[in-house]
Amino acid sequence: MPGPTEFCATLAAATAAAAVAAGSWALYCTDAHNSIPEAPTLSGGLSGHRTTAVAAAAAFVRSNAPLRGSRPMRVAVVTFVGSFCPVTLAHVTAMKVAKQMLMGEAQLHMQRPSGLPVPDVVVGYMCANSESKVSKKLAKKGIASISERDRRMLLDLAVNRPDLSWIRSMDQAACEVDYRLPQSQRRVEVVEALIRQLPGYEITHYRLDGADVAVQWKAWEQADANNRFLCCGRPSERGQGSTADLLSAMRRSKNGNMAPGSQWYDQGFFVLLPEMQNISSTQVRSALYSGNMAVLENMLDKAVMEWNIKHGPYRPSTGSMRIGKTKYGNAAS
């Protein structure tokens, strides 16, 4: 069984391979989702963008994995909840690597649990946190936020490529689950909607988190055959939600050793992905304020970058839109 040092080394070696396979630097954004999952607030069924996004995902599944014969086609649904303020190349790369792991693509060069099923097709949702959650979080730092509607629009821009047509934007409430409920009662609205639209398909949901988030609420202890997780490794210092912190906590779980190499881990309920270069939306906002194009080109999709420069709250000329004092020089009010 590999120790923390050996496994982290394997993850680090896999990072470069994952970056090449994904077509860009693998950049993990630590600003994605920084609190224990909340109970969603839903009013009625899916409406507006929810209906459109679910219908598009169902059409993608039917086109890429049509039903043939008696065997049900297997669909993996990945949900990634985050602030995405703004969405970065990091976020999109995390989704790409998650798909590569699920599909068993060899270029990741790292351990894949033998019990992890290989789907016929993968679809994903990048789910923007609510307006109130993001605005309150950033207000504490004296920073304005991008509206939820605009963040979903930017998500759509970021994945507006043929090779990313399997990803759709969504809102947090439709993607979250109340983990305080008994495991048999947990539901994810977008997954339930896909199940209704895709009779005859076998649908499995995977929640994507970063190591720092998983360590916060011990996500692996919530995992089972009906509650599956993917987790991006994080090369931070110990004590800051790093991969090493995650592995140590998994080995000391109240349920016994649940770390990679254990019999439990090999069932594929909680799957660790390669470590990714550590970059946050905070750094992106700082680069936008300073107008550092050279840095931004390596952090943001071109269309996302152009919108933020022209219309976003973090462009250099909009320092007055920030509230309170900040550490970003002339951006402070």
C-alpha atoms as a PDB file:
ATOM      1  CA  MET A   1       0.000   0.000   0.000  1.00  0.00           C
ATOM      2  CA  PRO A   2       1.582   3.363  -1.009  1.00  0.00           C
ATOM      3  CA  GLY A   3       2.229   5.917   1.717  1.00  0.00           C
ATOM      4  CA  PRO A   4       1.352   9.628   1.480  1.00  0.00           C
ATOM      5  CA  THR A   5       4.687  10.542  -0.103  1.00  0.00           C
ATOM      6  CA  GLU A   6       4.516   7.846  -2.759  1.00  0.00           C
ATOM      7  CA  PHE A   7       0.900   8.513  -3.637  1.00  0.00           C
ATOM      8  CA  CYS A   8       1.418  12.281  -3.832  1.00  0.00           C
ATOM      9  CA  ALA A   9       4.382  11.653  -6.123  1.00  0.00           C
ATOM     10  CA  THR A  10       2.140   9.557  -8.362  1.00  0.00           C
ATOM     11  CA  LEU A  11      -0.438  12.350  -8.433  1.00  0.00           C
ATOM     12  CA  ALA A  12       2.198  14.952  -9.257  1.00  0.00           C
ATOM     13  CA  ALA A  13       3.522  12.821 -12.120  1.00  0.00           C
ATOM     14  CA  ALA A  14       0.002  12.367 -13.420  1.00  0.00           C
ATOM     15  CA  THR A  15      -0.646  16.102 -13.444  1.00  0.00           C
ATOM     16  CA  ALA A  16       1.450  16.870 -16.522  1.00  0.00           C
ATOM     17  CA  ALA A  17      -0.094  13.945 -18.402  1.00  0.00           C
ATOM     18  CA  ALA A  18      -3.577  15.101 -17.473  1.00  0.00           C
ATOM     19  CA  ALA A  19      -2.773  18.624 -18.623  1.00  0.00           C
ATOM     20  CA  VAL A  20      -1.606  17.443 -22.038  1.00  0.00           C
ATOM     21  CA  ALA A  21      -4.599  15.138 -22.420  1.00  0.00           C
ATOM     22  CA  ALA A  22      -7.026  17.911 -21.451  1.00  0.00           C
ATOM     23  CA  GLY A  23      -5.482  20.299 -23.940  1.00  0.00           C
ATOM     24  CA  SER A  24      -4.477  22.989 -21.431  1.00  0.00           C
ATOM     25  CA  TRP A  25      -2.696  23.448 -18.114  1.00  0.00           C
ATOM     26  CA  ALA A  26      -4.530  21.613 -15.404  1.00  0.00           C
ATOM     27  CA  LEU A  27      -5.374  24.458 -13.048  1.00  0.00           C
ATOM     28  CA  TYR A  28      -7.401  23.697  -9.987  1.00  0.00           C
ATOM     29  CA  CYS A  29      -9.359  26.611  -8.606  1.00  0.00           C
ATOM     30  CA  THR A  30      -9.540  26.731  -4.836  1.00  0.00           C
ATOM     31  CA  ASP A  31     -12.402  29.224  -5.030  1.00  0.00           C
ATOM     32  CA  ALA A  32     -14.808  26.614  -6.369  1.00  0.00           C
ATOM     33  CA  HIS A  33     -16.789  25.533  -3.335  1.00  0.00           C
ATOM     34  CA  ASN A  34     -15.585  26.369   0.114  1.00  0.00           C
ATOM     35  CA  SER A  35     -18.278  25.267   2.528  1.00  0.00           C
ATOM     36  CA  ILE A  36     -20.081  22.170   3.669  1.00  0.00           C
ATOM     37  CA  PRO A  37     -22.886  21.358   1.199  1.00  0.00           C
ATOM     38  CA  GLU A  38     -26.167  23.025   2.004  1.00  0.00           C
ATOM     39  CA  ALA A  39     -29.728  21.830   1.656  1.00  0.00           C
ATOM     40  CA  PRO A  40     -31.014  23.129  -1.710  1.00  0.00           C
ATOM     41  CA  THR A  41     -34.013  25.407  -1.957  1.00  0.00           C
ATOM     42  CA  LEU A  42     -36.179  24.461  -4.913  1.00  0.00           C
ATOM     43  CA  SER A  43     -39.538  25.972  -5.833  1.00  0.00           C
ATOM     44  CA  GLY A  44     -41.401  23.608  -8.116  1.00  0.00           C
ATOM     45  CA  GLY A  45     -39.826  21.727 -11.004  1.00  0.00           C
ATOM     46  CA  LEU A  46     -37.117  22.726 -13.440  1.00  0.00           C
ATOM     47  CA  SER A  47     -37.786  25.943 -15.321  1.00  0.00           C
ATOM     48  CA  GLY A  48     -36.096  28.085 -17.935  1.00  0.00           C
ATOM     49  CA  HIS A  49     -32.404  27.324 -18.203  1.00  0.00           C
ATOM     50  CA  ARG A  50     -32.805  24.145 -16.134  1.00  0.00           C
ATOM     51  CA  THR A  51     -35.230  22.638 -18.639  1.00  0.00           C
ATOM     52  CA  THR A  52     -33.037  23.651 -21.575  1.00  0.00           C
ATOM     53  CA  ALA A  53     -29.862  22.281 -20.000  1.00  0.00           C
ATOM     54  CA  VAL A  54     -31.435  18.950 -19.049  1.00  0.00           C
ATOM     55  CA  ALA A  55     -32.997  18.532 -22.499  1.00  0.00           C
ATOM     56  CA  ALA A  56     -29.639  19.275 -24.165  1.00  0.00           C
ATOM     57  CA  ALA A  57     -27.861  16.732 -21.965  1.00  0.00           C
ATOM     58  CA  ALA A  58     -30.504  14.095 -22.716  1.00  0.00           C
ATOM     59  CA  ALA A  59     -30.150  14.753 -26.447  1.00  0.00           C
ATOM     60  CA  PHE A  60     -26.359  14.425 -26.158  1.00  0.00           C
ATOM     61  CA  VAL A  61     -26.760  11.059 -24.429  1.00  0.00           C
ATOM     62  CA  ARG A  62     -29.197   9.711 -27.038  1.00  0.00           C
ATOM     63  CA  SER A  63     -26.910  10.854 -29.857  1.00  0.00           C
ATOM     64  CA  ASN A  64     -23.685   9.467 -28.405  1.00  0.00           C
ATOM     65  CA  ALA A  65     -25.002   6.338 -26.676  1.00  0.00           C
ATOM     66  CA  PRO A  66     -28.187   5.204 -28.429  1.00  0.00           C
ATOM     67  CA  LEU A  67     -29.983   2.255 -26.896  1.00  0.00           C
ATOM     68  CA  ARG A  68     -29.192  -1.026 -28.633  1.00  0.00           C
ATOM     69  CA  GLY A  69     -30.429  -4.429 -27.617  1.00  0.00           C
ATOM     70  CA  SER A  70     -31.293  -5.332 -24.057  1.00  0.00           C
ATOM     71  CA  ARG A  71     -28.250  -3.900 -22.247  1.00  0.00           C
ATOM     72  CA  PRO A  72     -28.939  -0.493 -20.668  1.00  0.00           C
ATOM     73  CA  MET A  73     -26.443   2.152 -21.695  1.00  0.00           C
ATOM     74  CA  ARG A  74     -24.486   3.551 -18.755  1.00  0.00           C
ATOM     75  CA  VAL A  75     -24.477   7.327 -18.223  1.00  0.00           C
ATOM     76  CA  ALA A  76     -22.184   9.127 -15.752  1.00  0.00           C
ATOM     77  CA  VAL A  77     -23.430  12.540 -14.615  1.00  0.00           C
ATOM     78  CA  VAL A  78     -20.787  14.826 -13.077  1.00  0.00           C
ATOM     79  CA  THR A  79     -21.900  17.883 -11.087  1.00  0.00           C
ATOM     80  CA  PHE A  80     -19.408  20.565 -10.074  1.00  0.00           C
ATOM     81  CA  VAL A  81     -20.781  23.242  -7.739  1.00  0.00           C
ATOM     82  CA  GLY A  82     -18.806  26.460  -7.332  1.00  0.00           C
ATOM     83  CA  SER A  83     -18.840  30.231  -7.197  1.00  0.00           C
ATOM     84  CA  PHE A  84     -17.215  30.517 -10.656  1.00  0.00           C
ATOM     85  CA  CYS A  85     -16.623  34.225 -10.078  1.00  0.00           C
ATOM     86  CA  PRO A  86     -15.369  34.103 -12.734  1.00  0.00           C
ATOM     87  CA  VAL A  87     -15.088  30.630 -14.271  1.00  0.00           C
ATOM     88  CA  THR A  88     -11.471  29.811 -15.145  1.00  0.00           C
ATOM     89  CA  LEU A  89      -9.618  27.332 -17.318  1.00  0.00           C
ATOM     90  CA  ALA A  90      -9.022  25.519 -14.040  1.00  0.00           C
ATOM     91  CA  HIS A  91     -12.669  24.701 -13.551  1.00  0.00           C
ATOM     92  CA  VAL A  92     -13.117  23.384 -17.076  1.00  0.00           C
ATOM     93  CA  THR A  93      -9.916  21.321 -16.890  1.00  0.00           C
ATOM     94  CA  ALA A  94     -11.169  19.686 -13.686  1.00  0.00           C
ATOM     95  CA  MET A  95     -14.266  18.546 -15.569  1.00  0.00           C
ATOM     96  CA  LYS A  96     -12.158  17.199 -18.440  1.00  0.00           C
ATOM     97  CA  VAL A  97      -9.934  15.203 -16.097  1.00  0.00           C
ATOM     98  CA  ALA A  98     -12.984  13.846 -14.266  1.00  0.00           C
ATOM     99  CA  LYS A  99     -14.326  12.552 -17.573  1.00  0.00           C
ATOM    100  CA  GLN A 100     -10.974  10.994 -18.449  1.00  0.00           C
ATOM    101  CA  MET A 101     -10.915   9.110 -15.154  1.00  0.00           C
ATOM    102  CA  LEU A 102     -14.461   7.834 -15.555  1.00  0.00           C
ATOM    103  CA  MET A 103     -13.866   6.696 -19.121  1.00  0.00           C
ATOM    104  CA  GLY A 104     -10.646   4.931 -18.114  1.00  0.00           C
ATOM    105  CA  GLU A 105      -8.424   6.908 -20.461  1.00  0.00           C
ATOM    106  CA  ALA A 106      -4.860   5.694 -20.034  1.00  0.00           C
ATOM    107  CA  GLN A 107      -3.169   9.103 -20.296  1.00  0.00           C
ATOM    108  CA  LEU A 108      -3.916   9.892 -16.648  1.00  0.00           C
ATOM    109  CA  HIS A 109      -1.275   7.311 -15.638  1.00  0.00           C
ATOM    110  CA  MET A 110      -2.642   6.835 -12.142  1.00  0.00           C
ATOM    111  CA  GLN A 111      -4.555   4.309 -10.082  1.00  0.00           C
ATOM    112  CA  ARG A 112      -8.156   3.746 -11.128  1.00  0.00           C
ATOM    113  CA  PRO A 113     -10.284   1.758  -8.659  1.00  0.00           C
ATOM    114  CA  SER A 114     -11.157  -1.602 -10.167  1.00  0.00           C
ATOM    115  CA  GLY A 115     -14.754  -1.226  -8.999  1.00  0.00           C
ATOM    116  CA  LEU A 116     -15.272   2.103 -10.779  1.00  0.00           C
ATOM    117  CA  PRO A 117     -17.717   1.394 -13.614  1.00  0.00           C
ATOM    118  CA  VAL A 118     -16.849   2.577 -17.118  1.00  0.00           C
ATOM    119  CA  PRO A 119     -19.791   4.514 -18.587  1.00  0.00           C
ATOM    120  CA  ASP A 120     -20.823   4.612 -22.224  1.00  0.00           C
ATOM    121  CA  VAL A 121     -21.144   8.389 -22.076  1.00  0.00           C
ATOM    122  CA  VAL A 122     -20.450  11.233 -19.627  1.00  0.00           C
ATOM    123  CA  VAL A 123     -22.434  14.465 -19.217  1.00  0.00           C
ATOM    124  CA  GLY A 124     -21.615  17.248 -16.800  1.00  0.00           C
ATOM    125  CA  TYR A 125     -23.135  20.256 -15.098  1.00  0.00           C
ATOM    126  CA  MET A 126     -21.165  23.218 -13.806  1.00  0.00           C
ATOM    127  CA  CYS A 127     -23.482  24.642 -11.169  1.00  0.00           C
ATOM    128  CA  ALA A 128     -23.156  28.286 -10.128  1.00  0.00           C
ATOM    129  CA  ASN A 129     -23.664  29.099  -6.464  1.00  0.00           C
ATOM    130  CA  SER A 130     -26.609  31.327  -5.614  1.00  0.00           C
ATOM    131  CA  GLU A 131     -26.547  35.106  -5.852  1.00  0.00           C
ATOM    132  CA  SER A 132     -26.877  35.543  -2.097  1.00  0.00           C
ATOM    133  CA  LYS A 133     -24.152  33.033  -1.250  1.00  0.00           C
ATOM    134  CA  VAL A 134     -21.529  34.515  -3.565  1.00  0.00           C
ATOM    135  CA  SER A 135     -22.317  38.160  -2.856  1.00  0.00           C
ATOM    136  CA  LYS A 136     -22.166  37.595   0.905  1.00  0.00           C
ATOM    137  CA  LYS A 137     -18.904  35.657   0.674  1.00  0.00           C
ATOM    138  CA  LEU A 138     -17.163  38.303  -1.440  1.00  0.00           C
ATOM    139  CA  ALA A 139     -18.656  41.229   0.463  1.00  0.00           C
ATOM    140  CA  LYS A 140     -16.758  40.018   3.526  1.00  0.00           C
ATOM    141  CA  LYS A 141     -13.575  40.577   1.500  1.00  0.00           C
ATOM    142  CA  GLY A 142     -14.754  43.963   0.231  1.00  0.00           C
ATOM    143  CA  ILE A 143     -15.259  42.658  -3.292  1.00  0.00           C
ATOM    144  CA  ALA A 144     -18.202  43.011  -5.679  1.00  0.00           C
ATOM    145  CA  SER A 145     -19.566  39.841  -7.283  1.00  0.00           C
ATOM    146  CA  ILE A 146     -20.663  38.841 -10.757  1.00  0.00           C
ATOM    147  CA  SER A 147     -24.414  38.195 -10.848  1.00  0.00           C
ATOM    148  CA  GLU A 148     -25.598  34.584 -10.889  1.00  0.00           C
ATOM    149  CA  ARG A 149     -27.142  35.070 -14.329  1.00  0.00           C
ATOM    150  CA  ASP A 150     -23.864  36.401 -15.743  1.00  0.00           C
ATOM    151  CA  ARG A 151     -21.854  33.627 -14.082  1.00  0.00           C
ATOM    152  CA  ARG A 152     -24.042  31.030 -15.787  1.00  0.00           C
ATOM    153  CA  MET A 153     -23.639  32.912 -19.067  1.00  0.00           C
ATOM    154  CA  LEU A 154     -19.859  32.844 -18.626  1.00  0.00           C
ATOM    155  CA  LEU A 155     -19.997  29.114 -17.926  1.00  0.00           C
ATOM    156  CA  ASP A 156     -21.786  28.663 -21.240  1.00  0.00           C
ATOM    157  CA  LEU A 157     -19.091  30.721 -22.991  1.00  0.00           C
ATOM    158  CA  ALA A 158     -16.321  28.685 -21.356  1.00  0.00           C
ATOM    159  CA  VAL A 159     -17.662  25.382 -22.687  1.00  0.00           C
ATOM    160  CA  ASN A 160     -18.840  26.665 -26.072  1.00  0.00           C
ATOM    161  CA  ARG A 161     -16.658  24.231 -28.024  1.00  0.00           C
ATOM    162  CA  PRO A 162     -17.499  20.958 -29.770  1.00  0.00           C
ATOM    163  CA  ASP A 163     -15.263  18.922 -27.456  1.00  0.00           C
ATOM    164  CA  LEU A 164     -17.063  20.364 -24.413  1.00  0.00           C
ATOM    165  CA  SER A 165     -20.614  19.914 -25.661  1.00  0.00           C
ATOM    166  CA  TRP A 166     -21.166  17.329 -22.906  1.00  0.00           C
ATOM    167  CA  ILE A 167     -21.030  20.113 -20.257  1.00  0.00           C
ATOM    168  CA  ARG A 168     -23.924  22.453 -19.397  1.00  0.00           C
ATOM    169  CA  SER A 169     -24.339  25.314 -16.947  1.00  0.00           C
ATOM    170  CA  MET A 170     -26.818  25.011 -14.101  1.00  0.00           C
ATOM    171  CA  ASP A 171     -27.736  26.696 -10.823  1.00  0.00           C
ATOM    172  CA  GLN A 172     -26.643  25.407  -7.432  1.00  0.00           C
ATOM    173  CA  ALA A 173     -30.095  24.466  -6.141  1.00  0.00           C
ATOM    174  CA  ALA A 174     -30.672  22.032  -8.997  1.00  0.00           C
ATOM    175  CA  CYS A 175     -27.311  20.310  -8.406  1.00  0.00           C
ATOM    176  CA  GLU A 176     -26.979  20.170  -4.636  1.00  0.00           C
ATOM    177  CA  VAL A 177     -28.197  17.567  -2.183  1.00  0.00           C
ATOM    178  CA  ASP A 178     -28.903  17.699   1.519  1.00  0.00           C
ATOM    179  CA  TYR A 179     -26.247  15.405   2.984  1.00  0.00           C
ATOM    180  CA  ARG A 180     -27.969  15.592   6.352  1.00  0.00           C
ATOM    181  CA  LEU A 181     -30.687  13.328   4.980  1.00  0.00           C
ATOM    182  CA  PRO A 182     -30.395   9.524   5.159  1.00  0.00           C
ATOM    183  CA  GLN A 183     -28.435   8.294   2.158  1.00  0.00           C
ATOM    184  CA  SER A 184     -31.493   6.564   0.677  1.00  0.00           C
ATOM    185  CA  GLN A 185     -33.393   9.880   0.600  1.00  0.00           C
ATOM    186  CA  ARG A 186     -30.777  12.052  -1.097  1.00  0.00           C
ATOM    187  CA  ARG A 187     -31.772  13.434  -4.480  1.00  0.00           C
ATOM    188  CA  VAL A 188     -30.139  15.702  -7.068  1.00  0.00           C
ATOM    189  CA  GLU A 189     -32.760  17.485  -9.131  1.00  0.00           C
ATOM    190  CA  VAL A 190     -30.885  17.515 -12.461  1.00  0.00           C
ATOM    191  CA  VAL A 191     -30.081  13.809 -12.105  1.00  0.00           C
ATOM    192  CA  GLU A 192     -33.709  12.983 -11.330  1.00  0.00           C
ATOM    193  CA  ALA A 193     -34.756  15.009 -14.368  1.00  0.00           C
ATOM    194  CA  LEU A 194     -32.364  13.082 -16.614  1.00  0.00           C
ATOM    195  CA  ILE A 195     -33.651   9.782 -15.263  1.00  0.00           C
ATOM    196  CA  ARG A 196     -37.170  10.831 -16.245  1.00  0.00           C
ATOM    197  CA  GLN A 197     -36.030  11.833 -19.734  1.00  0.00           C
ATOM    198  CA  LEU A 198     -33.855   8.775 -20.371  1.00  0.00           C
ATOM    199  CA  PRO A 199     -35.827   5.601 -19.663  1.00  0.00           C
ATOM    200  CA  GLY A 200     -33.765   2.523 -20.392  1.00  0.00           C
ATOM    201  CA  TYR A 201     -30.492   4.188 -19.372  1.00  0.00           C
ATOM    202  CA  GLU A 202     -28.499   3.389 -16.227  1.00  0.00           C
ATOM    203  CA  ILE A 203     -27.555   6.748 -14.697  1.00  0.00           C
ATOM    204  CA  THR A 204     -24.877   7.237 -12.025  1.00  0.00           C
ATOM    205  CA  HIS A 205     -24.164  10.571 -10.376  1.00  0.00           C
ATOM    206  CA  TYR A 206     -20.707  11.810  -9.324  1.00  0.00           C
ATOM    207  CA  ARG A 207     -20.101  14.963  -7.302  1.00  0.00           C
ATOM    208  CA  LEU A 208     -16.798  16.717  -8.137  1.00  0.00           C
ATOM    209  CA  ASP A 209     -14.943  18.520  -5.319  1.00  0.00           C
ATOM    210  CA  GLY A 210     -11.446  19.719  -4.518  1.00  0.00           C
ATOM    211  CA  ALA A 211      -9.317  18.113  -1.808  1.00  0.00           C
ATOM    212  CA  ASP A 212      -9.722  21.150   0.462  1.00  0.00           C
ATOM    213  CA  VAL A 213     -13.523  20.909   0.307  1.00  0.00           C
ATOM    214  CA  ALA A 214     -13.510  17.131   0.779  1.00  0.00           C
ATOM    215  CA  VAL A 215     -11.274  17.436   3.854  1.00  0.00           C
ATOM    216  CA  GLN A 216     -13.588  20.044   5.394  1.00  0.00           C
ATOM    217  CA  TRP A 217     -16.577  17.751   5.595  1.00  0.00           C
ATOM    218  CA  LYS A 218     -14.977  14.309   5.179  1.00  0.00           C
ATOM    219  CA  ALA A 219     -16.785  13.605   1.935  1.00  0.00           C
ATOM    220  CA  TRP A 220     -15.504  10.028   1.691  1.00  0.00           C
ATOM    221  CA  GLU A 221     -17.539   9.124   4.772  1.00  0.00           C
ATOM    222  CA  GLN A 222     -20.685  10.049   2.817  1.00  0.00           C
ATOM    223  CA  ALA A 223     -19.718   7.897  -0.155  1.00  0.00           C
ATOM    224  CA  ASP A 224     -21.346   4.636  -1.142  1.00  0.00           C
ATOM    225  CA  ALA A 225     -22.777   2.991  -4.273  1.00  0.00           C
ATOM    226  CA  ASN A 226     -25.534   5.616  -4.434  1.00  0.00           C
ATOM    227  CA  ASN A 227     -23.452   8.645  -3.414  1.00  0.00           C
ATOM    228  CA  ARG A 228     -20.270   8.799  -5.479  1.00  0.00           C
ATOM    229  CA  PHE A 229     -17.531  11.437  -5.455  1.00  0.00           C
ATOM    230  CA  LEU A 230     -14.610  12.590  -7.591  1.00  0.00           C
ATOM    231  CA  CYS A 231     -11.927  14.666  -5.877  1.00  0.00           C
ATOM    232  CA  CYS A 232      -9.197  16.818  -7.441  1.00  0.00           C
ATOM    233  CA  GLY A 233      -5.832  16.531  -5.723  1.00  0.00           C
ATOM    234  CA  ARG A 234      -4.339  19.775  -4.398  1.00  0.00           C
ATOM    235  CA  PRO A 235      -0.594  20.423  -3.959  1.00  0.00           C
ATOM    236  CA  SER A 236      -0.881  22.847  -1.021  1.00  0.00           C
ATOM    237  CA  GLU A 237       1.072  22.864   2.200  1.00  0.00           C
ATOM    238  CA  ARG A 238      -0.058  20.451   4.897  1.00  0.00           C
ATOM    239  CA  GLY A 239      -2.884  21.871   6.959  1.00  0.00           C
ATOM    240  CA  GLN A 240      -4.366  23.777   4.008  1.00  0.00           C
ATOM    241  CA  GLY A 241      -6.511  21.061   2.450  1.00  0.00           C
ATOM    242  CA  SER A 242      -3.727  19.413   0.471  1.00  0.00           C
ATOM    243  CA  THR A 243      -3.673  15.944  -1.043  1.00  0.00           C
ATOM    244  CA  ALA A 244      -1.484  14.832   1.865  1.00  0.00           C
ATOM    245  CA  ASP A 245      -4.101  16.130   4.327  1.00  0.00           C
ATOM    246  CA  LEU A 246      -6.800  14.240   2.446  1.00  0.00           C
ATOM    247  CA  LEU A 247      -4.900  10.957   2.382  1.00  0.00           C
ATOM    248  CA  SER A 248      -4.033  11.200   6.066  1.00  0.00           C
ATOM    249  CA  ALA A 249      -7.655  11.867   7.021  1.00  0.00           C
ATOM    250  CA  MET A 250      -8.914   9.031   4.820  1.00  0.00           C
ATOM    251  CA  ARG A 251      -6.528   6.596   6.509  1.00  0.00           C
ATOM    252  CA  ARG A 252      -7.772   7.722   9.925  1.00  0.00           C
ATOM    253  CA  SER A 253     -11.469   7.608   9.035  1.00  0.00           C
ATOM    254  CA  LYS A 254     -13.957   6.508  11.677  1.00  0.00           C
ATOM    255  CA  ASN A 255     -14.841   3.696   9.265  1.00  0.00           C
ATOM    256  CA  GLY A 256     -11.256   2.439   9.000  1.00  0.00           C
ATOM    257  CA  ASN A 257      -8.731   2.970   6.229  1.00  0.00           C
ATOM    258  CA  MET A 258     -10.555   4.449   3.213  1.00  0.00           C
ATOM    259  CA  ALA A 259      -7.501   5.776   1.360  1.00  0.00           C
ATOM    260  CA  PRO A 260      -6.214   4.644  -2.052  1.00  0.00           C
ATOM    261  CA  GLY A 261      -4.839   1.131  -1.765  1.00  0.00           C
ATOM    262  CA  SER A 262      -7.540   0.018   0.667  1.00  0.00           C
ATOM    263  CA  GLN A 263     -10.212  -2.521  -0.153  1.00  0.00           C
ATOM    264  CA  TRP A 264     -12.902   0.117   0.385  1.00  0.00           C
ATOM    265  CA  TYR A 265     -11.272   2.603  -2.012  1.00  0.00           C
ATOM    266  CA  ASP A 266     -11.107   0.006  -4.766  1.00  0.00           C
ATOM    267  CA  GLN A 267     -14.905  -0.051  -4.893  1.00  0.00           C
ATOM    268  CA  GLY A 268     -14.813   3.333  -6.661  1.00  0.00           C
ATOM    269  CA  PHE A 269     -17.198   5.268  -4.421  1.00  0.00           C
ATOM    270  CA  PHE A 270     -14.705   8.093  -3.786  1.00  0.00           C
ATOM    271  CA  VAL A 271     -12.083   8.607  -6.496  1.00  0.00           C
ATOM    272  CA  LEU A 272      -9.013  10.829  -6.284  1.00  0.00           C
ATOM    273  CA  LEU A 273      -7.972  12.681  -9.450  1.00  0.00           C
ATOM    274  CA  PRO A 274      -4.489  14.043 -10.264  1.00  0.00           C
ATOM    275  CA  GLU A 275      -3.127  17.033  -8.429  1.00  0.00           C
ATOM    276  CA  MET A 276      -3.559  20.197 -10.427  1.00  0.00           C
ATOM    277  CA  GLN A 277      -1.581  23.411 -10.384  1.00  0.00           C
ATOM    278  CA  ASN A 278      -3.052  25.581  -7.657  1.00  0.00           C
ATOM    279  CA  ILE A 279      -4.671  28.816  -8.852  1.00  0.00           C
ATOM    280  CA  SER A 280      -7.733  30.615  -7.531  1.00  0.00           C
ATOM    281  CA  SER A 281     -10.380  32.990  -8.812  1.00  0.00           C
ATOM    282  CA  THR A 282      -8.907  35.478  -6.337  1.00  0.00           C
ATOM    283  CA  GLN A 283      -5.765  35.562  -8.475  1.00  0.00           C
ATOM    284  CA  VAL A 284      -7.893  35.989 -11.585  1.00  0.00           C
ATOM    285  CA  ARG A 285      -9.739  38.938 -10.085  1.00  0.00           C
ATOM    286  CA  SER A 286      -6.425  40.540  -9.122  1.00  0.00           C
ATOM    287  CA  ALA A 287      -5.110  40.122 -12.683  1.00  0.00           C
ATOM    288  CA  LEU A 288      -8.319  41.652 -14.072  1.00  0.00           C
ATOM    289  CA  TYR A 289      -7.994  44.672 -11.778  1.00  0.00           C
ATOM    290  CA  SER A 290      -4.411  45.222 -12.896  1.00  0.00           C
ATOM    291  CA  GLY A 291      -5.157  44.515 -16.556  1.00  0.00           C
ATOM    292  CA  ASN A 292      -2.447  41.845 -16.724  1.00  0.00           C
ATOM    293  CA  MET A 293      -3.319  40.313 -20.086  1.00  0.00           C
ATOM    294  CA  ALA A 294      -0.340  37.956 -20.178  1.00  0.00           C
ATOM    295  CA  VAL A 295      -1.509  36.328 -16.943  1.00  0.00           C
ATOM    296  CA  LEU A 296      -5.189  36.351 -17.867  1.00  0.00           C
ATOM    297  CA  GLU A 297      -4.586  34.511 -21.146  1.00  0.00           C
ATOM    298  CA  ASN A 298      -3.354  31.524 -19.121  1.00  0.00           C
ATOM    299  CA  MET A 299      -6.265  31.690 -16.684  1.00  0.00           C
ATOM    300  CA  LEU A 300      -9.414  32.412 -18.675  1.00  0.00           C
ATOM    301  CA  ASP A 301     -11.113  31.299 -21.849  1.00  0.00           C
ATOM    302  CA  LYS A 302     -10.788  34.037 -24.469  1.00  0.00           C
ATOM    303  CA  ALA A 303     -14.517  34.852 -24.569  1.00  0.00           C
ATOM    304  CA  VAL A 304     -14.731  34.840 -20.769  1.00  0.00           C
ATOM    305  CA  MET A 305     -11.708  37.134 -20.556  1.00  0.00           C
ATOM    306  CA  GLU A 306     -13.147  39.580 -23.102  1.00  0.00           C
ATOM    307  CA  TRP A 307     -16.490  39.793 -21.281  1.00  0.00           C
ATOM    308  CA  ASN A 308     -14.779  40.433 -17.949  1.00  0.00           C
ATOM    309  CA  ILE A 309     -12.543  43.132 -19.419  1.00  0.00           C
ATOM    310  CA  LYS A 310     -15.449  44.905 -21.126  1.00  0.00           C
ATOM    311  CA  HIS A 311     -18.367  44.302 -18.780  1.00  0.00           C
ATOM    312  CA  GLY A 312     -17.230  42.681 -15.531  1.00  0.00           C
ATOM    313  CA  PRO A 313     -16.933  44.303 -12.092  1.00  0.00           C
ATOM    314  CA  TYR A 314     -13.171  43.637 -11.885  1.00  0.00           C
ATOM    315  CA  ARG A 315     -11.882  45.680 -14.828  1.00  0.00           C
ATOM    316  CA  PRO A 316      -9.341  48.391 -13.872  1.00  0.00           C
ATOM    317  CA  SER A 317     -11.746  51.286 -14.418  1.00  0.00           C
ATOM    318  CA  THR A 318     -14.321  49.901 -11.990  1.00  0.00           C
ATOM    319  CA  GLY A 319     -12.391  50.081  -8.718  1.00  0.00           C
ATOM    320  CA  SER A 320     -15.271  52.115  -7.305  1.00  0.00           C
ATOM    321  CA  MET A 321     -17.529  49.068  -7.671  1.00  0.00           C
ATOM    322  CA  ARG A 322     -15.630  47.379  -4.894  1.00  0.00           C
ATOM    323  CA  ILE A 323     -16.801  47.880  -1.352  1.00  0.00           C
ATOM    324  CA  GLY A 324     -14.530  48.489   1.605  1.00  0.00           C
ATOM    325  CA  LYS A 325     -10.754  48.219   1.664  1.00  0.00           C
ATOM    326  CA  THR A 326      -8.920  45.484  -0.181  1.00  0.00           C
ATOM    327  CA  LYS A 327      -5.357  44.404  -0.840  1.00  0.00           C
ATOM    328  CA  TYR A 328      -5.505  45.043  -4.572  1.00  0.00           C
ATOM    329  CA  GLY A 329      -4.005  48.516  -4.792  1.00  0.00           C
ATOM    330  CA  ASN A 330      -5.965  51.078  -6.829  1.00  0.00           C
ATOM    331  CA  ALA A 331      -8.989  48.759  -6.945  1.00  0.00           C
ATOM    332  CA  ALA A 332      -9.823  49.645  -3.357  1.00  0.00           C
ATOM    333  CA  SER A 333     -12.469  52.261  -2.738  1.00  0.00           C
END
